[in-house]
């Protein structure tokens, strides 16, 4: 059974393929906020996220004829945005923390009680303090829903590096949040 929402904007996309500026603007209105948020979480800079967003939509409309309906338009557009973000980070000559030694992360015998998490704004500020490599993997995995195989392909790293980056990002985020809570 097919999902009726899967091709919800097919008529707008068809108009965009015919060069309709009105349809392009409507697609921009529908998707820009979500795509900006995804870009911002990855590049961690408002101006760069805005630039990425504009570049992504420019590429999207220039190459809309290559969009195939085997995925949702939103997923296709998000792939463009994320690739633009990764390229932007590479241009910054970001030092991603790559690991040569892959330690096995084991759970302790007795798990401590779950922490009391601060409000979402505090968590967002803590995520912004993560090193780029950690923040990108954490954002792609937790917020964008990619698995480690997909992240490894997007970032051109091994799957085990993606997993390690994610685990270390969570640990670093925990420490940042503890510092914030301690310092009040």
Protein backbone atom coordinates (compact mmCIF):
# COMPACT_ATOMS: atom_id res chain seq x y z
CA UNK A 1 0.00 0.00 0.00
CA UNK A 2 1.46 3.39 -0.95
CA UNK A 3 1.59 6.37 1.35
CA UNK A 4 -0.75 9.11 0.06
CA UNK A 5 1.55 11.82 1.48
CA UNK A 6 4.61 10.47 -0.37
CA UNK A 7 4.01 12.59 -3.49
CA UNK A 8 2.07 15.42 -1.90
CA UNK A 9 3.79 18.19 -3.89
CA UNK A 10 4.01 16.49 -7.29
CA UNK A 11 2.00 19.20 -9.05
CA UNK A 12 4.27 21.95 -7.65
CA UNK A 13 7.35 19.99 -8.62
CA UNK A 14 5.95 19.59 -12.13
CA UNK A 15 5.43 23.34 -12.35
CA UNK A 16 8.99 23.91 -11.10
CA UNK A 17 10.27 21.62 -13.87
CA UNK A 18 8.48 23.90 -16.34
CA UNK A 19 10.28 26.92 -14.80
CA UNK A 20 7.43 28.44 -12.78
CA UNK A 21 8.90 31.00 -10.36
CA UNK A 22 5.65 31.01 -8.41
CA UNK A 23 5.89 27.24 -7.83
CA UNK A 24 9.56 27.57 -6.88
CA UNK A 25 8.67 30.22 -4.32
CA UNK A 26 5.92 28.00 -2.91
CA UNK A 27 8.34 25.07 -2.58
CA UNK A 28 10.80 27.43 -0.87
CA UNK A 29 8.08 28.53 1.56
CA UNK A 30 7.19 24.93 2.35
CA UNK A 31 10.71 23.63 2.93
CA UNK A 32 13.02 26.52 3.81
CA UNK A 33 12.52 26.53 7.58
CA UNK A 34 13.18 22.82 8.02
CA UNK A 35 16.16 22.93 5.65
CA UNK A 36 17.60 25.99 7.40
CA UNK A 37 17.32 24.21 10.76
CA UNK A 38 19.11 21.15 9.38
CA UNK A 39 21.86 23.35 7.90
CA UNK A 40 22.24 25.38 11.08
CA UNK A 41 22.61 22.26 13.22
CA UNK A 42 25.46 21.11 11.01
CA UNK A 43 27.39 24.31 10.23
CA UNK A 44 26.61 25.95 13.59
CA UNK A 45 26.55 29.44 12.09
CA UNK A 46 23.45 31.40 11.06
CA UNK A 47 25.03 33.23 8.11
CA UNK A 48 26.62 30.08 6.73
CA UNK A 49 23.35 28.18 7.16
CA UNK A 50 21.55 30.92 5.21
CA UNK A 51 24.18 30.71 2.45
CA UNK A 52 23.90 26.91 2.35
CA UNK A 53 20.12 27.20 2.15
CA UNK A 54 20.27 29.56 -0.83
CA UNK A 55 22.87 27.44 -2.62
CA UNK A 56 20.83 24.29 -1.98
CA UNK A 57 17.62 25.77 -3.37
CA UNK A 58 19.49 27.17 -6.38
CA UNK A 59 20.92 23.71 -7.09
CA UNK A 60 17.55 22.11 -6.39
CA UNK A 61 15.72 24.22 -8.96
CA UNK A 62 18.55 24.02 -11.47
CA UNK A 63 18.59 20.20 -11.22
CA UNK A 64 14.94 19.46 -10.46
CA UNK A 65 14.72 17.40 -13.63
CA UNK A 66 16.96 14.82 -11.92
CA UNK A 67 14.51 14.35 -9.03
CA UNK A 68 12.95 10.91 -9.28
CA UNK A 69 9.83 10.13 -7.33
CA UNK A 70 11.37 7.06 -5.67
CA UNK A 71 11.90 9.19 -2.55
CA UNK A 72 10.13 12.18 -1.11
CA UNK A 73 11.05 15.60 -2.41
CA UNK A 74 11.95 16.65 1.14
CA UNK A 75 14.43 13.78 1.50
CA UNK A 76 16.01 14.66 -1.86
CA UNK A 77 16.28 18.33 -0.90
CA UNK A 78 17.69 17.49 2.55
CA UNK A 79 20.40 15.41 0.88
CA UNK A 80 21.39 18.47 -1.16
CA UNK A 81 21.43 20.65 1.98
CA UNK A 82 23.50 18.17 3.99
CA UNK A 83 26.01 17.71 1.18
CA UNK A 84 26.35 21.51 0.90
CA UNK A 85 26.95 21.68 4.67
CA UNK A 86 29.59 18.96 4.58
CA UNK A 87 31.34 20.74 1.70
CA UNK A 88 31.16 24.01 3.64
CA UNK A 89 32.77 22.36 6.66
CA UNK A 90 35.49 20.88 4.48
CA UNK A 91 36.18 24.32 3.03
CA UNK A 92 36.65 25.55 6.60
CA UNK A 93 39.33 22.89 6.81
CA UNK A 94 37.56 21.46 9.78
CA UNK A 95 39.61 19.07 11.81
CA UNK A 96 37.27 16.16 12.29
CA UNK A 97 38.45 13.96 15.10
CA UNK A 98 39.30 10.65 13.48
CA UNK A 99 40.09 7.75 15.69
CA UNK A 100 42.60 5.02 14.98
CA UNK A 101 41.94 3.05 18.13
CA UNK A 102 38.40 1.77 18.36
CA UNK A 103 37.62 1.00 21.96
CA UNK A 104 34.62 -1.05 22.81
CA UNK A 105 32.22 1.06 24.79
CA UNK A 106 30.59 -1.14 27.36
CA UNK A 107 27.71 -0.27 29.61
CA UNK A 108 28.54 -0.27 33.30
CA UNK A 109 27.20 -3.19 35.34
CA UNK A 110 24.79 -0.94 37.21
CA UNK A 111 23.45 2.00 35.33
CA UNK A 112 23.13 5.26 37.23
CA UNK A 113 19.70 6.85 37.46
CA UNK A 114 18.74 8.79 34.35
CA UNK A 115 19.93 12.40 34.44
CA UNK A 116 17.57 15.31 34.80
CA UNK A 117 17.92 17.09 31.46
CA UNK A 118 17.87 20.84 31.16
CA UNK A 119 15.48 22.67 28.87
CA UNK A 120 15.85 22.29 25.07
CA UNK A 121 17.46 25.73 24.65
CA UNK A 122 20.26 24.75 27.04
CA UNK A 123 20.76 21.47 25.20
CA UNK A 124 20.93 23.36 21.88
CA UNK A 125 23.57 25.72 23.32
CA UNK A 126 25.54 22.72 24.56
CA UNK A 127 25.37 21.04 21.12
CA UNK A 128 26.74 24.23 19.57
CA UNK A 129 29.83 23.90 21.82
CA UNK A 130 30.70 20.47 20.42
CA UNK A 131 33.62 20.23 17.98
CA UNK A 132 32.43 20.24 14.36
CA UNK A 133 33.02 16.53 13.74
CA UNK A 134 31.10 15.49 16.85
CA UNK A 135 28.28 17.96 16.19
CA UNK A 136 27.82 16.89 12.58
CA UNK A 137 27.63 13.16 13.34
CA UNK A 138 25.35 13.75 16.35
CA UNK A 139 23.06 16.00 14.30
CA UNK A 140 22.90 13.65 11.34
CA UNK A 141 22.20 10.64 13.55
CA UNK A 142 19.88 12.02 16.22
CA UNK A 143 18.19 14.95 14.54
CA UNK A 144 18.17 14.05 10.85
CA UNK A 145 17.62 10.31 11.31
CA UNK A 146 20.51 8.98 9.22
CA UNK A 147 22.11 5.69 10.24
CA UNK A 148 25.86 5.23 10.58
CA UNK A 149 26.18 3.65 7.14
CA UNK A 150 24.57 6.71 5.54
CA UNK A 151 26.64 9.10 7.66
CA UNK A 152 29.84 7.30 6.67
CA UNK A 153 28.93 7.75 3.00
CA UNK A 154 27.93 11.40 3.41
CA UNK A 155 31.07 12.32 5.34
CA UNK A 156 33.42 9.94 3.53
CA UNK A 157 34.48 8.24 6.78
CA UNK A 158 34.23 4.64 7.94
CA UNK A 159 31.11 3.41 9.65
CA UNK A 160 33.09 2.62 12.81
CA UNK A 161 34.45 6.18 12.85
CA UNK A 162 30.88 7.49 12.62
CA UNK A 163 29.85 5.30 15.56
CA UNK A 164 32.87 6.36 17.59
CA UNK A 165 32.30 10.04 16.81
CA UNK A 166 28.67 9.65 17.90
CA UNK A 167 29.57 7.94 21.18
CA UNK A 168 32.23 10.53 21.96
CA UNK A 169 29.87 13.35 21.02
CA UNK A 170 27.28 12.03 23.47
CA UNK A 171 29.93 11.78 26.20
CA UNK A 172 31.24 15.29 25.51
CA UNK A 173 27.68 16.65 25.41
CA UNK A 174 26.97 15.04 28.78
CA UNK A 175 30.08 16.72 30.24
CA UNK A 176 29.15 20.10 28.78
CA UNK A 177 25.64 19.80 30.22
CA UNK A 178 27.03 18.80 33.64
CA UNK A 179 29.26 21.88 33.58
CA UNK A 180 26.31 24.08 32.65
CA UNK A 181 24.18 22.57 35.42
CA UNK A 182 27.01 22.84 37.97
CA UNK A 183 27.85 26.45 37.08
CA UNK A 184 24.17 27.31 36.99
